Amino acid sequence: MDNTPNKNKVNQVIKIAHISTGLETGGAEVQLVRLLEKFDQTKYKLIVISLHNETYLADKIRNELKIPVYSLAIKSNPFNIRKAYKILKEFNPDIIHGTMYEGGVVGTLFNKFLPKKPPVIWTVHEGLEHYKSEPKRKQLQLKLWSLISNLPDCMMYVSHLNAKQHLDWGFKNHKALVITNGVDTETFKPNHTARKEIRASLNIPEDAFVIGITARYHPVKNHQGFLRAAGLLSKIHPNVHYVMAGTDIDNNNSALTDIIKANKLQQNVHLLGNREDVPDVVNAYDVASLTSFGEAFPLTLGEAMATAKPCVATYVGDNEFIIKDTGRVVAVNDDQALANAWQELVEMDKTAFEALGEAALQRTLNNFTLKKQVEEHEDLYANLYRKNNSSSLNYAQ
C-alpha cells in the first residue's frame, strides 16, 4: 500500500467514523484520543462510536474536542448494535476506522450496507505472547477474527512483532500496514520543574533514585512482579523509591498493598491511581519500567524516553526495538533479572547514566513521534478515499 507523503492528498473533507471496542483509559484508547486531538477538523469530519459504556475519555472527546461520541453499552444490551448501524447510515462515512478487534469487526459487518460502502481499517493493538494461556473463549474468538481478517481494506498493526504474531494465528496480512504508536513530544519532554514539584508532593527527596511504572492495573501488566523486584532491590538499596501510576493502582488494591506490606515497602512505594498529569509524574522518575507478560507497542516506554528516562522492560512485543541500547530488556516474569537491571542503573556513573537518558530522548524524537503517526494516518486515509472515489476526485498536486 503506497502511502507516500503528499502523493495521496485530496481536496475534499473526508468523513471518518472511528469505532472503538471501548473508551477506557488503556493505551489503545488513550492513543486514539491523542490522534483525534491532532487531526485537522477542517480536513476531516469525525465521529466516535464506543461499543462499551460511557467513560471519562468519551466525555473528554465530546466536550474538549467537540467530536460526537456515541457510547452503546452493547455488553449490557446487545441489541444496541442496531444503533451503530443507524449512526453510521446517518453519518455516511467515507472511511470506517476500527480500534481493537470488535471495533474493526463492527465496521466490517456494516460497511457493505452503507451508501458509500466505505473502506474499513482495523487497528490491532494487542500483543499475543500470552494468548495461549487466555481462556478458550478468547482464543476461539481470535480464531474467528482471523477468518474474516481478509475483509477489511487495511489491517493496521502498531508493531512489527504484533503483525507477525497475528500472521501466526491465521490473520490475513496481505493488506497489512505497520504504523507504530507516536509520542506527543510537545507534552512529554524533560521538565525539571515538574520533577521537583511531583517529588515534593510525594515527600520524595530530590536526590532519591526513583523507579516508576505507568500502566493501568491488569494481570498482563504484572504489577506484582514490579513490587517483588522492588523488594529484592530494597535489600541492597533501601532508599530507592517506587512510583506506580494508572487506573486502579491505589491503596484500595489489596493485591498490591499486600506485597508492599510483606516487603516492608510502605515508605518507599507511592500508589497514585489514575493521573491527569502523567507527563509531570514521569518526569519525577529516574528510570521507567514495564513488567508486562505481553505487549504490542507500549507507548508508556516512548513517553518516558521522551522525558530522557532510560527504561527497563520485559522482552515482549516491540520493547527491545523501542529501547535498543538506551536501557535494558529482561526476561519475562524474572524478578531477580529485573532487580539486577535496576541495580545496574542505580549504581551507574552519573555521566554514563545521563548519556543513556539523552540517547533515549533522541531515539524517540527520531523514530516515535505523534506527528509522524498522524501524517502516516492521513496518507492512509487519503489513499483509501482515493481508491473508493477514483472516478470523481480532484486531487491536490
Protein backbone atom coordinates (compact mmCIF):
# COMPACT_ATOMS: atom_id res chain seq x y z
CA MET A 1 0.00 0.00 0.00
CA ASP A 2 1.58 3.23 -1.20
CA ASN A 3 1.30 5.94 1.45
CA THR A 4 3.99 8.30 0.17
CA PRO A 5 3.52 11.66 1.96
CA ASN A 6 1.71 14.33 -0.09
CA LYS A 7 1.12 11.98 -3.03
CA ASN A 8 -2.35 10.97 -1.93
CA LYS A 9 -3.76 14.26 -0.61
CA VAL A 10 -7.29 15.19 -1.66
CA ASN A 11 -9.21 18.45 -1.58
CA GLN A 12 -12.46 17.14 -0.12
CA VAL A 13 -13.33 16.89 3.57
CA ILE A 14 -13.09 13.19 4.48
CA LYS A 15 -15.73 11.80 6.83
CA ILE A 16 -14.27 9.21 9.21
CA ALA A 17 -16.20 7.09 11.69
CA HIS A 18 -13.99 5.72 14.45
CA ILE A 19 -15.39 2.63 16.13
CA SER A 20 -13.64 1.58 19.33
CA THR A 21 -14.26 -1.51 21.40
CA GLY A 22 -14.38 0.85 24.37
CA LEU A 23 -13.01 4.10 25.73
CA GLU A 24 -11.42 3.06 28.99
CA THR A 25 -8.06 4.59 29.96
CA GLY A 26 -5.96 1.85 28.35
CA GLY A 27 -3.11 2.52 25.96
CA ALA A 28 -5.08 1.93 22.75
CA GLU A 29 -7.93 4.18 23.83
CA VAL A 30 -5.69 6.99 25.08
CA GLN A 31 -3.73 6.89 21.85
CA LEU A 32 -6.96 7.18 19.86
CA VAL A 33 -7.79 10.35 21.79
CA ARG A 34 -4.35 11.80 21.08
CA LEU A 35 -4.75 11.13 17.37
CA LEU A 36 -8.20 12.74 17.37
CA GLU A 37 -6.70 15.81 19.07
CA LYS A 38 -4.20 16.23 16.24
CA PHE A 39 -6.42 15.61 13.22
CA ASP A 40 -7.26 18.83 11.40
CA GLN A 41 -11.06 19.13 11.63
CA THR A 42 -11.11 21.39 8.58
CA LYS A 43 -9.89 18.36 6.60
CA TYR A 44 -11.79 15.61 8.46
CA LYS A 45 -15.29 15.30 9.82
CA LEU A 46 -15.14 12.83 12.69
CA ILE A 47 -17.40 10.78 14.92
CA VAL A 48 -16.58 8.14 17.51
CA ILE A 49 -18.68 5.09 18.36
CA SER A 50 -17.76 3.24 21.56
CA LEU A 51 -19.23 -0.24 21.89
CA HIS A 52 -18.99 -0.11 25.68
CA ASN A 53 -20.19 2.24 28.40
CA GLU A 54 -19.88 5.98 28.76
CA THR A 55 -16.46 6.87 30.22
CA TYR A 56 -14.26 9.79 31.14
CA LEU A 57 -12.49 9.60 27.77
CA ALA A 58 -15.81 9.63 25.90
CA ASP A 59 -16.74 12.79 27.76
CA LYS A 60 -13.34 14.34 27.05
CA ILE A 61 -13.64 13.72 23.29
CA ARG A 62 -17.16 15.12 23.22
CA ASN A 63 -16.58 18.21 25.35
CA GLU A 64 -12.96 19.16 24.68
CA LEU A 65 -12.51 18.04 21.07
CA LYS A 66 -16.11 18.77 20.05
CA ILE A 67 -16.34 15.41 18.28
CA PRO A 68 -19.65 13.49 18.62
CA VAL A 69 -19.31 10.32 20.70
CA TYR A 70 -21.91 7.54 20.97
CA SER A 71 -21.49 5.04 23.80
CA LEU A 72 -23.64 1.98 23.05
CA ALA A 73 -23.09 -0.29 26.09
CA ILE A 74 -23.51 -3.37 23.92
CA LYS A 75 -22.48 -5.75 26.69
CA SER A 76 -25.49 -4.62 28.71
CA ASN A 77 -27.82 -4.61 25.71
CA PRO A 78 -26.55 -6.49 22.62
CA PHE A 79 -29.46 -5.13 20.55
CA ASN A 80 -27.81 -1.71 20.73
CA ILE A 81 -25.66 -2.91 17.85
CA ARG A 82 -28.53 -1.71 15.66
CA LYS A 83 -27.82 1.81 16.89
CA ALA A 84 -24.32 1.54 15.47
CA TYR A 85 -25.75 0.88 12.02
CA LYS A 86 -28.25 3.73 12.34
CA ILE A 87 -25.48 6.16 13.38
CA LEU A 88 -23.24 5.04 10.54
CA LYS A 89 -26.02 5.30 7.97
CA GLU A 90 -26.89 8.84 9.06
CA PHE A 91 -23.25 9.95 9.15
CA ASN A 92 -22.49 8.26 5.81
CA PRO A 93 -18.71 7.96 6.34
CA ASP A 94 -16.03 7.85 3.67
CA ILE A 95 -13.87 5.62 5.88
CA ILE A 96 -14.53 3.44 8.94
CA HIS A 97 -11.58 3.04 11.31
CA GLY A 98 -11.95 0.35 13.96
CA THR A 99 -9.78 0.41 17.06
CA MET A 100 -9.22 -3.04 18.61
CA TYR A 101 -10.82 -6.21 17.32
CA GLU A 102 -14.51 -5.59 17.97
CA GLY A 103 -14.37 -2.05 16.60
CA GLY A 104 -12.99 -3.36 13.32
CA VAL A 105 -15.43 -6.27 13.19
CA VAL A 106 -18.46 -3.99 13.61
CA GLY A 107 -17.20 -1.72 10.86
CA THR A 108 -16.74 -4.71 8.56
CA LEU A 109 -20.21 -6.01 9.43
CA PHE A 110 -21.95 -2.82 8.30
CA ASN A 111 -19.82 -1.20 5.59
CA LYS A 112 -21.42 -3.07 2.65
CA PHE A 113 -24.85 -1.78 3.70
CA LEU A 114 -23.81 1.88 3.76
CA PRO A 115 -24.28 4.27 0.81
CA LYS A 116 -20.58 4.76 0.04
CA LYS A 117 -19.50 1.23 1.00
CA PRO A 118 -16.61 2.85 2.88
CA PRO A 119 -13.26 1.11 3.22
CA VAL A 120 -12.58 -0.31 6.67
CA ILE A 121 -9.37 -0.20 8.71
CA TRP A 122 -8.73 -2.49 11.66
CA THR A 123 -6.13 -1.21 14.10
CA VAL A 124 -4.80 -4.12 16.16
CA HIS A 125 -3.03 -3.24 19.40
CA GLU A 126 -2.90 -6.50 21.28
CA GLY A 127 0.30 -8.50 21.69
CA LEU A 128 -0.23 -12.25 21.65
CA GLU A 129 2.66 -13.61 23.75
CA HIS A 130 0.23 -14.59 26.50
CA TYR A 131 -2.71 -15.71 24.38
CA LYS A 132 -2.07 -19.43 24.74
CA SER A 133 -2.87 -19.01 28.44
CA GLU A 134 -6.03 -16.97 27.83
CA PRO A 135 -9.44 -18.63 28.29
CA LYS A 136 -10.50 -20.88 25.41
CA ARG A 137 -13.33 -18.44 24.66
CA LYS A 138 -10.83 -15.66 23.88
CA GLN A 139 -8.67 -17.98 21.79
CA LEU A 140 -11.68 -19.12 19.76
CA GLN A 141 -12.73 -15.51 19.32
CA LEU A 142 -9.29 -14.62 17.98
CA LYS A 143 -9.51 -17.52 15.51
CA LEU A 144 -12.90 -16.23 14.40
CA TRP A 145 -11.49 -12.75 13.81
CA SER A 146 -8.67 -14.31 11.79
CA LEU A 147 -11.21 -15.97 9.47
CA ILE A 148 -12.66 -12.59 8.48
CA SER A 149 -9.38 -10.65 8.56
CA ASN A 150 -9.27 -10.65 4.75
CA LEU A 151 -12.38 -8.42 4.65
CA PRO A 152 -11.05 -5.04 5.86
CA ASP A 153 -9.23 -2.85 3.37
CA CYS A 154 -6.29 -2.41 5.72
CA MET A 155 -5.01 -4.33 8.74
CA MET A 156 -3.06 -1.76 10.73
CA TYR A 157 -0.69 -3.05 13.39
CA VAL A 158 1.10 -0.92 15.96
CA SER A 159 4.25 -3.06 15.98
CA HIS A 160 6.14 -5.35 13.61
CA LEU A 161 6.09 -8.23 16.09
CA ASN A 162 2.37 -7.66 16.58
CA ALA A 163 1.87 -8.18 12.83
CA LYS A 164 3.93 -11.38 12.79
CA GLN A 165 2.13 -12.81 15.81
CA HIS A 166 -1.25 -12.34 14.16
CA LEU A 167 0.00 -13.97 10.98
CA ASP A 168 0.94 -16.99 13.10
CA TRP A 169 -2.66 -17.07 14.39
CA GLY A 170 -4.04 -17.17 10.87
CA PHE A 171 -4.67 -13.49 10.16
CA LYS A 172 -4.56 -12.49 6.50
CA ASN A 173 -1.82 -9.89 6.29
CA HIS A 174 -1.70 -9.23 2.54
CA LYS A 175 -3.23 -5.81 3.27
CA ALA A 176 -1.19 -5.21 6.42
CA LEU A 177 0.45 -1.94 7.38
CA VAL A 178 2.54 -1.14 10.47
CA ILE A 179 2.15 2.34 11.94
CA THR A 180 3.85 2.47 15.32
CA ASN A 181 2.44 4.49 18.19
CA GLY A 182 3.79 8.01 18.46
CA VAL A 183 4.64 10.18 21.44
CA ASP A 184 3.34 13.73 21.76
CA THR A 185 6.76 15.26 22.25
CA GLU A 186 5.23 18.66 22.90
CA THR A 187 3.67 17.22 26.05
CA PHE A 188 6.23 14.58 27.04
CA LYS A 189 9.59 16.32 27.34
CA PRO A 190 12.18 16.94 30.06
CA ASN A 191 10.71 19.21 32.72
CA HIS A 192 12.86 19.81 35.79
CA THR A 193 10.23 21.99 37.47
CA ALA A 194 7.62 19.24 37.24
CA ARG A 195 10.16 16.74 38.55
CA LYS A 196 10.72 18.81 41.69
CA GLU A 197 7.03 19.55 42.24
CA ILE A 198 5.87 15.92 41.92
CA ARG A 199 8.63 14.70 44.21
CA ALA A 200 7.80 17.35 46.78
CA SER A 201 4.10 16.41 46.67
CA LEU A 202 5.03 12.77 47.38
CA ASN A 203 7.65 13.61 50.03
CA ILE A 204 10.37 12.05 47.90
CA PRO A 205 13.82 13.65 48.43
CA GLU A 206 15.19 15.46 45.39
CA ASP A 207 18.30 13.27 45.40
CA ALA A 208 16.44 9.95 45.79
CA PHE A 209 16.54 7.43 42.97
CA VAL A 210 13.01 6.82 41.65
CA ILE A 211 11.81 3.88 39.56
CA GLY A 212 8.36 4.28 38.06
CA ILE A 213 5.73 2.32 36.19
CA THR A 214 2.81 3.89 34.34
CA ALA A 215 0.18 1.29 33.45
CA ARG A 216 -3.43 0.52 34.31
CA TYR A 217 -3.97 -2.40 36.64
CA HIS A 218 -4.38 -5.60 34.62
CA PRO A 219 -2.93 -9.10 35.13
CA VAL A 220 -0.89 -8.84 31.91
CA LYS A 221 0.95 -5.77 33.25
CA ASN A 222 2.38 -7.81 36.16
CA HIS A 223 2.49 -5.05 38.76
CA GLN A 224 3.08 -7.74 41.36
CA GLY A 225 6.37 -8.60 39.65
CA PHE A 226 7.35 -4.93 39.77
CA LEU A 227 6.79 -4.91 43.53
CA ARG A 228 8.57 -8.22 44.13
CA ALA A 229 11.60 -6.87 42.26
CA ALA A 230 11.38 -3.71 44.39
CA GLY A 231 11.52 -5.92 47.45
CA LEU A 232 14.72 -7.52 46.16
CA LEU A 233 16.40 -4.23 45.27
CA SER A 234 15.41 -2.65 48.60
CA LYS A 235 17.65 -5.13 50.42
CA ILE A 236 20.64 -3.56 48.65
CA HIS A 237 19.40 -0.01 48.10
CA PRO A 238 16.81 0.71 50.79
CA ASN A 239 16.39 4.39 49.85
CA VAL A 240 15.12 3.84 46.30
CA HIS A 241 11.52 5.00 45.80
CA TYR A 242 8.93 3.38 43.51
CA VAL A 243 6.12 5.34 41.88
CA MET A 244 3.17 3.47 40.35
CA ALA A 245 0.51 5.31 38.34
CA GLY A 246 -2.53 4.02 36.48
CA THR A 247 -6.17 3.10 36.81
CA ASP A 248 -6.81 1.04 39.99
CA ILE A 249 -3.21 1.47 41.17
CA ASP A 250 -4.15 2.77 44.61
CA ASN A 251 -4.37 1.82 48.27
CA ASN A 252 -7.68 0.05 47.71
CA ASN A 253 -5.91 -2.60 45.65
CA SER A 254 -5.08 -5.31 48.17
CA ALA A 255 -3.23 -7.39 45.55
CA LEU A 256 -0.61 -4.61 45.58
CA THR A 257 -0.76 -3.41 49.18
CA ASP A 258 -0.27 -6.98 50.50
CA ILE A 259 3.02 -7.29 48.61
CA ILE A 260 4.09 -3.81 49.72
CA LYS A 261 3.48 -4.74 53.37
CA ALA A 262 5.15 -8.13 53.01
CA ASN A 263 8.30 -6.44 51.71
CA LYS A 264 8.10 -3.55 54.18
CA LEU A 265 7.98 -1.00 51.38
CA GLN A 266 5.24 1.24 52.79
CA GLN A 267 7.59 4.25 53.00
CA ASN A 268 9.06 3.70 49.54
CA VAL A 269 6.11 2.83 47.26
CA HIS A 270 3.72 5.53 46.06
CA LEU A 271 0.42 4.37 44.53
CA LEU A 272 -1.01 7.29 42.57
CA GLY A 273 -4.03 5.85 40.79
CA ASN A 274 -5.16 7.42 37.53
CA ARG A 275 -3.47 10.79 36.95
CA GLU A 276 -4.17 13.65 34.57
CA ASP A 277 -0.60 14.94 34.93
CA VAL A 278 1.20 11.86 33.63
CA PRO A 279 3.94 13.86 31.83
CA ASP A 280 4.81 15.56 35.12
CA VAL A 281 4.72 12.26 37.02
CA VAL A 282 7.04 10.59 34.51
CA ASN A 283 9.49 13.48 34.85
CA ALA A 284 9.79 12.58 38.53
CA TYR A 285 11.21 9.15 37.61
CA ASP A 286 14.87 8.34 37.12
CA VAL A 287 14.06 5.07 35.39
CA ALA A 288 10.77 3.92 33.86
CA SER A 289 9.86 0.26 33.89
CA LEU A 290 7.33 -2.04 32.28
CA THR A 291 6.93 -5.57 33.59
CA SER A 292 4.27 -6.96 31.25
CA PHE A 293 3.71 -10.54 30.19
CA GLY A 294 2.64 -9.27 26.77
CA GLU A 295 2.60 -6.01 24.79
CA ALA A 296 2.45 -4.75 21.21
CA PHE A 297 4.00 -1.27 21.08
CA PRO A 298 3.67 0.17 24.59
CA LEU A 299 3.51 3.94 24.37
CA THR A 300 4.47 4.32 28.01
CA LEU A 301 8.08 3.45 27.13
CA GLY A 302 8.30 6.05 24.37
CA GLU A 303 6.74 8.67 26.65
CA ALA A 304 9.31 8.01 29.35
CA MET A 305 12.14 8.08 26.81
CA ALA A 306 10.84 11.44 25.53
CA THR A 307 11.48 12.82 29.02
CA ALA A 308 15.06 11.44 28.83
CA LYS A 309 14.44 8.46 31.11
CA PRO A 310 16.19 5.15 30.50
CA CYS A 311 13.73 2.24 30.51
CA VAL A 312 13.85 -1.30 31.83
CA ALA A 313 11.20 -3.58 30.34
CA THR A 314 10.44 -7.22 29.75
CA TYR A 315 11.25 -8.97 26.49
CA VAL A 316 7.78 -8.79 24.92
CA GLY A 317 6.24 -7.06 21.90
CA ASP A 318 8.43 -4.34 20.40
CA ASN A 319 10.03 -3.44 23.75
CA GLU A 320 13.52 -4.36 22.62
CA PHE A 321 13.05 -2.49 19.32
CA ILE A 322 11.84 0.62 21.16
CA ILE A 323 14.56 0.66 23.81
CA LYS A 324 17.54 -0.67 21.80
CA ASP A 325 20.74 0.38 23.63
CA THR A 326 19.13 3.22 25.62
CA GLY A 327 18.03 0.98 28.51
CA ARG A 328 17.69 -2.66 29.46
CA VAL A 329 15.40 -5.53 28.44
CA VAL A 330 14.97 -8.52 30.75
CA ALA A 331 13.26 -11.90 30.71
CA VAL A 332 9.55 -12.06 31.38
CA ASN A 333 8.47 -12.74 34.97
CA ASP A 334 12.04 -12.85 36.25
CA ASP A 335 12.01 -10.69 39.38
CA GLN A 336 15.72 -11.12 40.04
CA ALA A 337 16.70 -10.13 36.48
CA LEU A 338 14.54 -7.03 36.79
CA ALA A 339 16.06 -6.12 40.14
CA ASN A 340 19.57 -6.68 38.73
CA ALA A 341 18.91 -4.36 35.78
CA TRP A 342 17.61 -1.69 38.13
CA GLN A 343 20.63 -2.12 40.38
CA GLU A 344 22.97 -1.62 37.42
CA LEU A 345 21.34 1.71 36.62
CA VAL A 346 21.18 2.85 40.25
CA GLU A 347 24.93 2.24 40.57
CA MET A 348 25.89 3.59 37.13
CA ASP A 349 28.28 6.52 36.83
CA LYS A 350 26.26 9.76 36.63
CA THR A 351 27.74 10.83 33.30
CA ALA A 352 27.01 7.44 31.71
CA PHE A 353 23.50 7.41 33.16
CA GLU A 354 22.71 10.87 31.80
CA ALA A 355 24.08 9.84 28.39
CA LEU A 356 21.69 6.87 28.44
CA GLY A 357 18.75 9.18 29.08
CA GLU A 358 19.83 11.56 26.32
CA ALA A 359 20.10 8.63 23.89
CA ALA A 360 16.57 7.56 24.87
CA LEU A 361 15.26 11.06 24.15
CA GLN A 362 16.94 11.22 20.75
CA ARG A 363 15.71 7.77 19.76
CA THR A 364 12.13 8.84 20.44
CA LEU A 365 12.48 12.15 18.60
CA ASN A 366 13.98 10.34 15.61
CA ASN A 367 11.52 7.47 15.41
CA PHE A 368 8.38 7.59 17.54
CA THR A 369 6.66 10.98 17.36
CA LEU A 370 2.92 11.56 17.28
CA LYS A 371 3.46 13.98 14.38
CA LYS A 372 4.85 11.11 12.28
CA GLN A 373 1.99 8.82 13.30
CA VAL A 374 -0.63 11.43 12.36
CA GLU A 375 0.99 12.04 8.97
CA GLU A 376 1.00 8.30 8.24
CA HIS A 377 -2.68 8.05 9.17
CA GLU A 378 -3.55 11.00 6.95
CA ASP A 379 -1.72 9.45 4.00
CA LEU A 380 -3.57 6.16 4.54
CA TYR A 381 -6.95 7.91 4.72
CA ALA A 382 -6.24 9.82 1.51
CA ASN A 383 -5.11 6.65 -0.26
CA LEU A 384 -8.23 4.69 0.72
CA TYR A 385 -10.51 7.64 -0.08
CA ARG A 386 -8.91 8.00 -3.50
CA LYS A 387 -9.36 4.31 -4.30
CA ASN A 388 -13.01 4.36 -3.25
CA ASN A 389 -13.78 7.55 -5.20
CA SER A 390 -11.40 7.25 -8.14
CA SER A 391 -13.91 8.38 -10.76
CA SER A 392 -14.90 11.68 -9.14
CA LEU A 393 -11.95 13.17 -7.29
CA ASN A 394 -9.98 16.29 -7.94
CA TYR A 395 -6.50 15.76 -6.50
CA ALA A 396 -4.07 18.18 -4.98
CA GLN A 397 -0.89 18.10 -6.99
